[in-house]
C-alpha atoms as a PDB file:
ATOM      1  CA  MET A   1     -19.092 -69.956  10.646  1.00  0.00           C
ATOM      2  CA  PRO A   2     -17.445 -72.505   8.314  1.00  0.00           C
ATOM      3  CA  LYS A   3     -19.381 -75.405   6.973  1.00  0.00           C
ATOM      4  CA  ILE A   4     -19.018 -78.752   8.922  1.00  0.00           C
ATOM      5  CA  LYS A   5     -17.522 -81.499   6.935  1.00  0.00           C
ATOM      6  CA  THR A   6     -19.210 -84.736   6.376  1.00  0.00           C
ATOM      7  CA  HIS A   7     -17.517 -87.964   7.437  1.00  0.00           C
ATOM      8  CA  LYS A   8     -17.193 -89.765   4.200  1.00  0.00           C
ATOM      9  CA  GLY A   9     -17.001 -93.252   5.520  1.00  0.00           C
ATOM     10  CA  ALA A  10     -20.100 -92.695   7.569  1.00  0.00           C
ATOM     11  CA  SER A  11     -21.934 -91.235   4.535  1.00  0.00           C
ATOM     12  CA  LYS A  12     -21.302 -94.510   2.718  1.00  0.00           C
ATOM     13  CA  ARG A  13     -22.443 -96.585   5.635  1.00  0.00           C
ATOM     14  CA  PHE A  14     -25.501 -94.949   6.945  1.00  0.00           C
ATOM     15  CA  LYS A  15     -28.673 -93.606   5.417  1.00  0.00           C
ATOM     16  CA  LYS A  16     -31.490 -91.545   7.026  1.00  0.00           C
ATOM     17  CA  THR A  17     -34.998 -92.817   7.134  1.00  0.00           C
ATOM     18  CA  ALA A  18     -38.170 -90.775   6.536  1.00  0.00           C
ATOM     19  CA  SER A  19     -38.693 -90.862  10.382  1.00  0.00           C
ATOM     20  CA  GLY A  20     -35.223 -89.496  11.085  1.00  0.00           C
ATOM     21  CA  LYS A  21     -33.619 -92.563  12.257  1.00  0.00           C
ATOM     22  CA  PHE A  22     -30.447 -94.062  10.599  1.00  0.00           C
ATOM     23  CA  LYS A  23     -30.193 -97.437   8.910  1.00  0.00           C
ATOM     24  CA  ARG A  24     -27.158 -99.509   8.566  1.00  0.00           C
ATOM     25  CA  ASN A  25     -25.986-102.866   7.247  1.00  0.00           C
ATOM     26  CA  LYS A  26     -25.404-105.679   9.636  1.00  0.00           C
ATOM     27  CA  ALA A  27     -21.911-106.917  10.448  1.00  0.00           C
ATOM     28  CA  LYS A  28     -20.370-110.152   9.708  1.00  0.00           C
ATOM     29  CA  HIS A  29     -22.019-110.506   6.307  1.00  0.00           C
ATOM     30  CA  GLY A  30     -18.930-109.935   3.996  1.00  0.00           C
ATOM     31  CA  HIS A  31     -17.200-113.329   3.566  1.00  0.00           C
ATOM     32  CA  LEU A  32     -16.585-116.741   4.999  1.00  0.00           C
ATOM     33  CA  PHE A  33     -20.134-117.992   4.439  1.00  0.00           C
ATOM     34  CA  GLU A  34     -19.428-121.627   4.265  1.00  0.00           C
ATOM     35  CA  CYS A  35     -19.012-121.948   8.045  1.00  0.00           C
ATOM     36  CA  LYS A  36     -22.120-119.952   8.855  1.00  0.00           C
ATOM     37  CA  SER A  37     -25.612-121.513   9.066  1.00  0.00           C
ATOM     38  CA  LYS A  38     -28.408-120.659   6.799  1.00  0.00           C
ATOM     39  CA  LYS A  39     -30.343-119.146   9.532  1.00  0.00           C
ATOM     40  CA  LEU A  40     -27.502-116.775  10.498  1.00  0.00           C
ATOM     41  CA  LYS A  41     -27.075-115.757   6.951  1.00  0.00           C
ATOM     42  CA  ARG A  42     -30.893-115.052   6.550  1.00  0.00           C
ATOM     43  CA  GLU A  43     -30.728-112.998   9.873  1.00  0.00           C
ATOM     44  CA  LEU A  44     -27.762-110.971   8.669  1.00  0.00           C
ATOM     45  CA  SER A  45     -29.369-109.875   5.443  1.00  0.00           C
ATOM     46  CA  GLY A  46     -31.219-106.588   5.105  1.00  0.00           C
ATOM     47  CA  THR A  47     -30.745-103.523   7.305  1.00  0.00           C
ATOM     48  CA  ALA A  48     -31.021-102.578  10.830  1.00  0.00           C
ATOM     49  CA  ILE A  49     -31.630 -99.310  12.757  1.00  0.00           C
ATOM     50  CA  VAL A  50     -28.733 -97.610  14.502  1.00  0.00           C
ATOM     51  CA  ASP A  51     -28.883 -97.977  18.363  1.00  0.00           C
ATOM     52  CA  LYS A  52     -29.960 -95.002  20.401  1.00  0.00           C
ATOM     53  CA  SER A  53     -26.570 -95.002  22.133  1.00  0.00           C
ATOM     54  CA  ASN A  54     -24.761 -94.528  18.839  1.00  0.00           C
ATOM     55  CA  GLU A  55     -27.267 -92.147  17.171  1.00  0.00           C
ATOM     56  CA  LYS A  56     -25.629 -88.962  18.536  1.00  0.00           C
ATOM     57  CA  ALA A  57     -22.239 -89.910  17.042  1.00  0.00           C
ATOM     58  CA  VAL A  58     -23.775 -90.706  13.686  1.00  0.00           C
ATOM     59  CA  LYS A  59     -25.621 -87.246  13.608  1.00  0.00           C
ATOM     60  CA  LYS A  60     -22.333 -85.558  14.348  1.00  0.00           C
ATOM     61  CA  MET A  61     -20.772 -87.314  11.439  1.00  0.00           C
ATOM     62  CA  LEU A  62     -23.531 -86.629   9.062  1.00  0.00           C
ATOM     63  CA  PRO A  63     -24.598 -83.045   9.889  1.00  0.00           C
ATOM     64  CA  TYR A  64     -26.547 -82.415   6.592  1.00  0.00           C
ATOM     65  CA  ALA A  65     -28.250 -85.756   6.214  1.00  0.00           C
END
């Protein structure tokens, strides 16, 4: 059997945690900050856990993570 290729875009966006879940950065935190409230910018900082409905797709893209 040949090796499965890792999706390079996914490998840059997702990291596996010690418990086996995947963490991701939050969306809408790249630019246009002057129109966003301080509260929203604070909430968008940091990381989040990938939703259960998307976890299967992420595991398929990252077979060796």
